[in-house]
Amino acid sequence: MTLYHEVLEAATVAADPSPDSVLELNEQDFDRIAYEMHGQLGPATPSNLNRMLEMFQFP
């Protein structure tokens, strides 16, 4: 779950501009989403991390 959290958080900070879907997220939101993504997508593989980013409208 940590990789989902860290990748989403890092992409949010790095993107210019960040997608609207992540602009208001806080640390607890990133944790919650990480658990949801692990449950929905499974282990944090490169392809699953990319799928997560697509779900949050990152290019």
PDB file of N, CA and C in Angstrom:
ATOM      1  N   MET A   1       0.822  -1.180   0.000  1.00  0.00           N
ATOM      2  CA  MET A   1       0.000   0.000   0.000  1.00  0.00           C
ATOM      3  C   MET A   1       0.871   1.251   0.000  1.00  0.00           C
ATOM      4  N   THR A   2       2.029   1.166   0.589  1.00  0.00           N
ATOM      5  CA  THR A   2       2.897   2.336   0.669  1.00  0.00           C
ATOM      6  C   THR A   2       3.271   2.857  -0.712  1.00  0.00           C
ATOM      7  N   LEU A   3       3.534   1.960  -1.650  1.00  0.00           N
ATOM      8  CA  LEU A   3       3.884   2.432  -2.993  1.00  0.00           C
ATOM      9  C   LEU A   3       2.727   3.177  -3.639  1.00  0.00           C
ATOM     10  N   TYR A   4       1.520   2.689  -3.488  1.00  0.00           N
ATOM     11  CA  TYR A   4       0.371   3.420  -4.032  1.00  0.00           C
ATOM     12  C   TYR A   4       0.323   4.824  -3.430  1.00  0.00           C
ATOM     13  N   HIS A   5       0.470   4.913  -2.127  1.00  0.00           N
ATOM     14  CA  HIS A   5       0.435   6.194  -1.430  1.00  0.00           C
ATOM     15  C   HIS A   5       1.536   7.118  -1.954  1.00  0.00           C
ATOM     16  N   GLU A   6       2.762   6.631  -1.955  1.00  0.00           N
ATOM     17  CA  GLU A   6       3.910   7.467  -2.313  1.00  0.00           C
ATOM     18  C   GLU A   6       3.872   7.899  -3.776  1.00  0.00           C
ATOM     19  N   VAL A   7       3.501   7.008  -4.662  1.00  0.00           N
ATOM     20  CA  VAL A   7       3.446   7.361  -6.081  1.00  0.00           C
ATOM     21  C   VAL A   7       2.362   8.393  -6.332  1.00  0.00           C
ATOM     22  N   LEU A   8       1.195   8.206  -5.751  1.00  0.00           N
ATOM     23  CA  LEU A   8       0.118   9.179  -5.951  1.00  0.00           C
ATOM     24  C   LEU A   8       0.494  10.527  -5.352  1.00  0.00           C
ATOM     25  N   GLU A   9       1.073  10.517  -4.179  1.00  0.00           N
ATOM     26  CA  GLU A   9       1.471  11.763  -3.530  1.00  0.00           C
ATOM     27  C   GLU A   9       2.567  12.473  -4.337  1.00  0.00           C
ATOM     28  N   ALA A  10       3.561  11.727  -4.785  1.00  0.00           N
ATOM     29  CA  ALA A  10       4.653  12.324  -5.564  1.00  0.00           C
ATOM     30  C   ALA A  10       4.159  12.861  -6.904  1.00  0.00           C
ATOM     31  N   ALA A  11       3.281  12.125  -7.557  1.00  0.00           N
ATOM     32  CA  ALA A  11       2.733  12.584  -8.841  1.00  0.00           C
ATOM     33  C   ALA A  11       1.911  13.851  -8.647  1.00  0.00           C
ATOM     34  N   THR A  12       1.205  13.932  -7.549  1.00  0.00           N
ATOM     35  CA  THR A  12       0.394  15.119  -7.256  1.00  0.00           C
ATOM     36  C   THR A  12       1.285  16.346  -7.094  1.00  0.00           C
ATOM     37  N   VAL A  13       2.399  16.184  -6.391  1.00  0.00           N
ATOM     38  CA  VAL A  13       3.324  17.294  -6.168  1.00  0.00           C
ATOM     39  C   VAL A  13       4.052  17.666  -7.459  1.00  0.00           C
ATOM     40  N   ALA A  14       4.409  16.664  -8.255  1.00  0.00           N
ATOM     41  CA  ALA A  14       5.219  16.894  -9.448  1.00  0.00           C
ATOM     42  C   ALA A  14       4.420  17.426 -10.633  1.00  0.00           C
ATOM     43  N   ALA A  15       3.146  17.111 -10.708  1.00  0.00           N
ATOM     44  CA  ALA A  15       2.345  17.499 -11.867  1.00  0.00           C
ATOM     45  C   ALA A  15       2.088  19.005 -11.862  1.00  0.00           C
ATOM     46  N   ASP A  16       2.129  19.580 -13.052  1.00  0.00           N
ATOM     47  CA  ASP A  16       1.862  21.012 -13.178  1.00  0.00           C
ATOM     48  C   ASP A  16       0.961  21.242 -14.381  1.00  0.00           C
ATOM     49  N   PRO A  17      -0.300  21.402 -14.177  1.00  0.00           N
ATOM     50  CA  PRO A  17      -1.022  21.397 -12.906  1.00  0.00           C
ATOM     51  C   PRO A  17      -1.433  19.977 -12.516  1.00  0.00           C
ATOM     52  N   SER A  18      -1.737  19.799 -11.249  1.00  0.00           N
ATOM     53  CA  SER A  18      -2.243  18.509 -10.775  1.00  0.00           C
ATOM     54  C   SER A  18      -3.700  18.361 -11.198  1.00  0.00           C
ATOM     55  N   PRO A  19      -4.125  17.134 -11.493  1.00  0.00           N
ATOM     56  CA  PRO A  19      -5.534  16.920 -11.826  1.00  0.00           C
ATOM     57  C   PRO A  19      -6.448  17.357 -10.685  1.00  0.00           C
ATOM     58  N   ASP A  20      -7.620  17.840 -11.025  1.00  0.00           N
ATOM     59  CA  ASP A  20      -8.594  18.265 -10.016  1.00  0.00           C
ATOM     60  C   ASP A  20      -8.905  17.157  -9.016  1.00  0.00           C
ATOM     61  N   SER A  21      -8.819  15.901  -9.467  1.00  0.00           N
ATOM     62  CA  SER A  21      -9.183  14.771  -8.608  1.00  0.00           C
ATOM     63  C   SER A  21      -8.267  14.606  -7.399  1.00  0.00           C
ATOM     64  N   VAL A  22      -7.100  15.257  -7.401  1.00  0.00           N
ATOM     65  CA  VAL A  22      -6.162  15.085  -6.294  1.00  0.00           C
ATOM     66  C   VAL A  22      -5.798  16.393  -5.587  1.00  0.00           C
ATOM     67  N   LEU A  23      -6.333  17.491  -6.043  1.00  0.00           N
ATOM     68  CA  LEU A  23      -5.928  18.795  -5.493  1.00  0.00           C
ATOM     69  C   LEU A  23      -6.194  18.949  -4.009  1.00  0.00           C
ATOM     70  N   GLU A  24      -7.268  18.412  -3.520  1.00  0.00           N
ATOM     71  CA  GLU A  24      -7.656  18.622  -2.118  1.00  0.00           C
ATOM     72  C   GLU A  24      -7.318  17.443  -1.204  1.00  0.00           C
ATOM     73  N   LEU A  25      -6.529  16.488  -1.685  1.00  0.00           N
ATOM     74  CA  LEU A  25      -6.213  15.317  -0.864  1.00  0.00           C
ATOM     75  C   LEU A  25      -5.234  15.668   0.250  1.00  0.00           C
ATOM     76  N   ASN A  26      -5.438  15.051   1.416  1.00  0.00           N
ATOM     77  CA  ASN A  26      -4.497  15.204   2.519  1.00  0.00           C
ATOM     78  C   ASN A  26      -3.864  13.841   2.809  1.00  0.00           C
ATOM     79  N   GLU A  27      -3.029  13.785   3.814  1.00  0.00           N
ATOM     80  CA  GLU A  27      -2.293  12.558   4.128  1.00  0.00           C
ATOM     81  C   GLU A  27      -3.230  11.382   4.398  1.00  0.00           C
ATOM     82  N   GLN A  28      -4.305  11.606   5.110  1.00  0.00           N
ATOM     83  CA  GLN A  28      -5.266  10.529   5.389  1.00  0.00           C
ATOM     84  C   GLN A  28      -5.947  10.060   4.110  1.00  0.00           C
ATOM     85  N   ASP A  29      -6.226  10.978   3.195  1.00  0.00           N
ATOM     86  CA  ASP A  29      -6.826  10.597   1.919  1.00  0.00           C
ATOM     87  C   ASP A  29      -5.883   9.701   1.120  1.00  0.00           C
ATOM     88  N   PHE A  30      -4.586  10.056   1.091  1.00  0.00           N
ATOM     89  CA  PHE A  30      -3.612   9.224   0.380  1.00  0.00           C
ATOM     90  C   PHE A  30      -3.552   7.826   0.988  1.00  0.00           C
ATOM     91  N   ASP A  31      -3.602   7.729   2.315  1.00  0.00           N
ATOM     92  CA  ASP A  31      -3.612   6.416   2.976  1.00  0.00           C
ATOM     93  C   ASP A  31      -4.854   5.618   2.590  1.00  0.00           C
ATOM     94  N   ARG A  32      -6.011   6.256   2.664  1.00  0.00           N
ATOM     95  CA  ARG A  32      -7.269   5.578   2.331  1.00  0.00           C
ATOM     96  C   ARG A  32      -7.248   5.091   0.886  1.00  0.00           C
ATOM     97  N   ILE A  33      -6.814   5.937  -0.013  1.00  0.00           N
ATOM     98  CA  ILE A  33      -6.756   5.582  -1.434  1.00  0.00           C
ATOM     99  C   ILE A  33      -5.783   4.434  -1.655  1.00  0.00           C
ATOM    100  N   ALA A  34      -4.651   4.449  -0.954  1.00  0.00           N
ATOM    101  CA  ALA A  34      -3.674   3.371  -1.101  1.00  0.00           C
ATOM    102  C   ALA A  34      -4.297   2.025  -0.757  1.00  0.00           C
ATOM    103  N   TYR A  35      -5.044   1.960   0.334  1.00  0.00           N
ATOM    104  CA  TYR A  35      -5.712   0.710   0.710  1.00  0.00           C
ATOM    105  C   TYR A  35      -6.776   0.332  -0.311  1.00  0.00           C
ATOM    106  N   GLU A  36      -7.516   1.307  -0.797  1.00  0.00           N
ATOM    107  CA  GLU A  36      -8.536   1.032  -1.808  1.00  0.00           C
ATOM    108  C   GLU A  36      -7.903   0.500  -3.089  1.00  0.00           C
ATOM    109  N   MET A  37      -6.811   1.117  -3.511  1.00  0.00           N
ATOM    110  CA  MET A  37      -6.149   0.681  -4.746  1.00  0.00           C
ATOM    111  C   MET A  37      -5.572  -0.719  -4.585  1.00  0.00           C
ATOM    112  N   HIS A  38      -5.021  -1.002  -3.427  1.00  0.00           N
ATOM    113  CA  HIS A  38      -4.493  -2.353  -3.203  1.00  0.00           C
ATOM    114  C   HIS A  38      -5.624  -3.372  -3.269  1.00  0.00           C
ATOM    115  N   GLY A  39      -6.757  -3.050  -2.678  1.00  0.00           N
ATOM    116  CA  GLY A  39      -7.896  -3.954  -2.727  1.00  0.00           C
ATOM    117  C   GLY A  39      -8.467  -4.104  -4.124  1.00  0.00           C
ATOM    118  N   GLN A  40      -8.464  -3.037  -4.882  1.00  0.00           N
ATOM    119  CA  GLN A  40      -9.057  -3.049  -6.216  1.00  0.00           C
ATOM    120  C   GLN A  40      -8.099  -3.583  -7.280  1.00  0.00           C
ATOM    121  N   LEU A  41      -6.823  -3.179  -7.210  1.00  0.00           N
ATOM    122  CA  LEU A  41      -5.876  -3.521  -8.269  1.00  0.00           C
ATOM    123  C   LEU A  41      -4.898  -4.620  -7.894  1.00  0.00           C
ATOM    124  N   GLY A  42      -4.715  -4.857  -6.599  1.00  0.00           N
ATOM    125  CA  GLY A  42      -3.753  -5.858  -6.154  1.00  0.00           C
ATOM    126  C   GLY A  42      -2.414  -5.230  -5.839  1.00  0.00           C
ATOM    127  N   PRO A  43      -1.363  -6.036  -5.835  1.00  0.00           N
ATOM    128  CA  PRO A  43      -0.028  -5.534  -5.495  1.00  0.00           C
ATOM    129  C   PRO A  43       0.380  -4.349  -6.377  1.00  0.00           C
ATOM    130  N   ALA A  44       1.228  -3.506  -5.851  1.00  0.00           N
ATOM    131  CA  ALA A  44       1.650  -2.290  -6.552  1.00  0.00           C
ATOM    132  C   ALA A  44       2.736  -2.591  -7.583  1.00  0.00           C
ATOM    133  N   THR A  45       2.313  -3.111  -8.709  1.00  0.00           N
ATOM    134  CA  THR A  45       3.229  -3.355  -9.820  1.00  0.00           C
ATOM    135  C   THR A  45       3.301  -2.090 -10.675  1.00  0.00           C
ATOM    136  N   PRO A  46       4.290  -1.976 -11.549  1.00  0.00           N
ATOM    137  CA  PRO A  46       4.340  -0.796 -12.418  1.00  0.00           C
ATOM    138  C   PRO A  46       3.052  -0.586 -13.216  1.00  0.00           C
ATOM    139  N   SER A  47       2.484  -1.643 -13.757  1.00  0.00           N
ATOM    140  CA  SER A  47       1.252  -1.472 -14.538  1.00  0.00           C
ATOM    141  C   SER A  47       0.078  -1.072 -13.650  1.00  0.00           C
ATOM    142  N   ASN A  48      -0.004  -1.597 -12.433  1.00  0.00           N
ATOM    143  CA  ASN A  48      -1.083  -1.207 -11.522  1.00  0.00           C
ATOM    144  C   ASN A  48      -0.922   0.230 -11.043  1.00  0.00           C
ATOM    145  N   LEU A  49       0.318   0.657 -10.829  1.00  0.00           N
ATOM    146  CA  LEU A  49       0.547   2.051 -10.460  1.00  0.00           C
ATOM    147  C   LEU A  49       0.127   2.979 -11.603  1.00  0.00           C
ATOM    148  N   ASN A  50       0.453   2.600 -12.819  1.00  0.00           N
ATOM    149  CA  ASN A  50       0.014   3.396 -13.973  1.00  0.00           C
ATOM    150  C   ASN A  50      -1.502   3.425 -14.084  1.00  0.00           C
ATOM    151  N   ARG A  51      -2.150   2.294 -13.833  1.00  0.00           N
ATOM    152  CA  ARG A  51      -3.619   2.254 -13.860  1.00  0.00           C
ATOM    153  C   ARG A  51      -4.202   3.202 -12.820  1.00  0.00           C
ATOM    154  N   MET A  52      -3.622   3.217 -11.620  1.00  0.00           N
ATOM    155  CA  MET A  52      -4.087   4.116 -10.577  1.00  0.00           C
ATOM    156  C   MET A  52      -3.953   5.568 -11.027  1.00  0.00           C
ATOM    157  N   LEU A  53      -2.809   5.927 -11.583  1.00  0.00           N
ATOM    158  CA  LEU A  53      -2.605   7.302 -12.030  1.00  0.00           C
ATOM    159  C   LEU A  53      -3.604   7.683 -13.122  1.00  0.00           C
ATOM    160  N   GLU A  54      -3.889   6.769 -14.011  1.00  0.00           N
ATOM    161  CA  GLU A  54      -4.903   7.020 -15.043  1.00  0.00           C
ATOM    162  C   GLU A  54      -6.275   7.246 -14.413  1.00  0.00           C
ATOM    163  N   MET A  55      -6.579   6.493 -13.365  1.00  0.00           N
ATOM    164  CA  MET A  55      -7.871   6.633 -12.689  1.00  0.00           C
ATOM    165  C   MET A  55      -8.030   8.026 -12.077  1.00  0.00           C
ATOM    166  N   PHE A  56      -6.920   8.643 -11.700  1.00  0.00           N
ATOM    167  CA  PHE A  56      -6.950   9.982 -11.122  1.00  0.00           C
ATOM    168  C   PHE A  56      -6.646  11.071 -12.155  1.00  0.00           C
ATOM    169  N   GLN A  57      -6.738  10.703 -13.433  1.00  0.00           N
ATOM    170  CA  GLN A  57      -6.606  11.606 -14.571  1.00  0.00           C
ATOM    171  C   GLN A  57      -5.227  12.224 -14.766  1.00  0.00           C
ATOM    172  N   PHE A  58      -4.181  11.489 -14.358  1.00  0.00           N
ATOM    173  CA  PHE A  58      -2.842  11.932 -14.720  1.00  0.00           C
ATOM    174  C   PHE A  58      -2.599  11.513 -16.162  1.00  0.00           C
ATOM    175  N   PRO A  59      -1.914  12.346 -16.917  1.00  0.00           N
ATOM    176  CA  PRO A  59      -1.659  11.983 -18.332  1.00  0.00           C
ATOM    177  C   PRO A  59      -0.738  10.787 -18.482  1.00  0.00           C
TER     178      PRO A  59
END
